[in-house]
Amino acid sequence: MTQTPPAKKTNVFRSAVAAMLGVQSDQNRHQDFNQPSALPFIVAGLVVIVIFVAVLIGISQFVAG
């Protein structure tokens, strides 16, 4: 089995957001799992979650006054 070249940063973040929203295509998921390292996807996932939580906190503080 041949390994694919490392994914670009934009593709990694796009994949993390799509996975978080549950709209990741089967083809992209297979492509992600064939990457040589899971570390970029873990980091991107953590960054996306931190941004998501920060947005939720900001919205709740804006609504609460």
Protein backbone atom coordinates (compact mmCIF):
# COMPACT_ATOMS: atom_id res chain seq x y z
CA MET A 1 0.00 0.00 0.00
CA THR A 2 1.43 3.37 -0.96
CA GLN A 3 1.19 6.31 1.39
CA THR A 4 -0.11 9.61 0.16
CA PRO A 5 1.98 12.75 0.61
CA PRO A 6 1.29 14.79 3.75
CA ALA A 7 -1.91 16.82 3.58
CA LYS A 8 -1.84 20.59 3.20
CA LYS A 9 -2.78 22.69 6.23
CA THR A 10 -5.95 24.00 4.59
CA ASN A 11 -7.08 20.47 3.79
CA VAL A 12 -6.38 19.37 7.35
CA PHE A 13 -8.47 22.18 8.85
CA ARG A 14 -11.23 21.66 6.28
CA SER A 15 -11.27 17.98 7.19
CA ALA A 16 -11.40 18.76 10.92
CA VAL A 17 -14.35 21.14 10.49
CA ALA A 18 -16.19 18.70 8.23
CA ALA A 19 -15.66 15.88 10.71
CA MET A 20 -16.87 18.05 13.58
CA LEU A 21 -20.04 18.94 11.68
CA GLY A 22 -20.54 15.35 10.57
CA VAL A 23 -20.38 16.06 6.85
CA GLN A 24 -17.05 14.41 6.05
CA SER A 25 -17.27 12.46 2.79
CA ASP A 26 -16.22 8.84 2.76
CA GLN A 27 -13.55 9.57 0.14
CA ASN A 28 -11.99 12.36 2.25
CA ARG A 29 -12.13 10.19 5.37
CA HIS A 30 -10.23 7.40 3.60
CA GLN A 31 -7.72 9.94 2.30
CA ASP A 32 -7.23 11.31 5.84
CA PHE A 33 -6.70 7.86 7.33
CA ASN A 34 -4.02 7.11 4.73
CA GLN A 35 -1.86 10.03 5.89
CA PRO A 36 1.50 9.16 7.44
CA SER A 37 0.73 10.92 10.74
CA ALA A 38 -2.41 11.70 12.73
CA LEU A 39 -0.75 14.59 14.59
CA PRO A 40 -1.79 17.38 12.17
CA PHE A 41 -5.41 16.23 12.37
CA ILE A 42 -5.32 16.08 16.17
CA VAL A 43 -3.87 19.59 16.40
CA ALA A 44 -6.36 20.93 13.84
CA GLY A 45 -9.23 19.29 15.73
CA LEU A 46 -8.13 20.87 19.00
CA VAL A 47 -7.79 24.30 17.36
CA VAL A 48 -11.25 24.01 15.79
CA ILE A 49 -12.78 23.01 19.13
CA VAL A 50 -11.09 25.91 20.95
CA ILE A 51 -12.37 28.36 18.32
CA PHE A 52 -15.86 26.84 18.53
CA VAL A 53 -15.95 27.14 22.33
CA ALA A 54 -14.62 30.72 22.18
CA VAL A 55 -17.36 31.66 19.70
CA LEU A 56 -20.01 30.09 21.93
CA ILE A 57 -18.69 31.97 24.97
CA GLY A 58 -18.62 35.23 22.99
CA ILE A 59 -22.19 34.76 21.77
CA SER A 60 -23.47 33.88 25.23
CA GLN A 61 -21.77 36.93 26.77
CA PHE A 62 -23.19 39.16 24.02
CA VAL A 63 -26.71 37.81 24.58
CA ALA A 64 -26.45 38.00 28.38
CA GLY A 65 -25.44 41.64 28.12
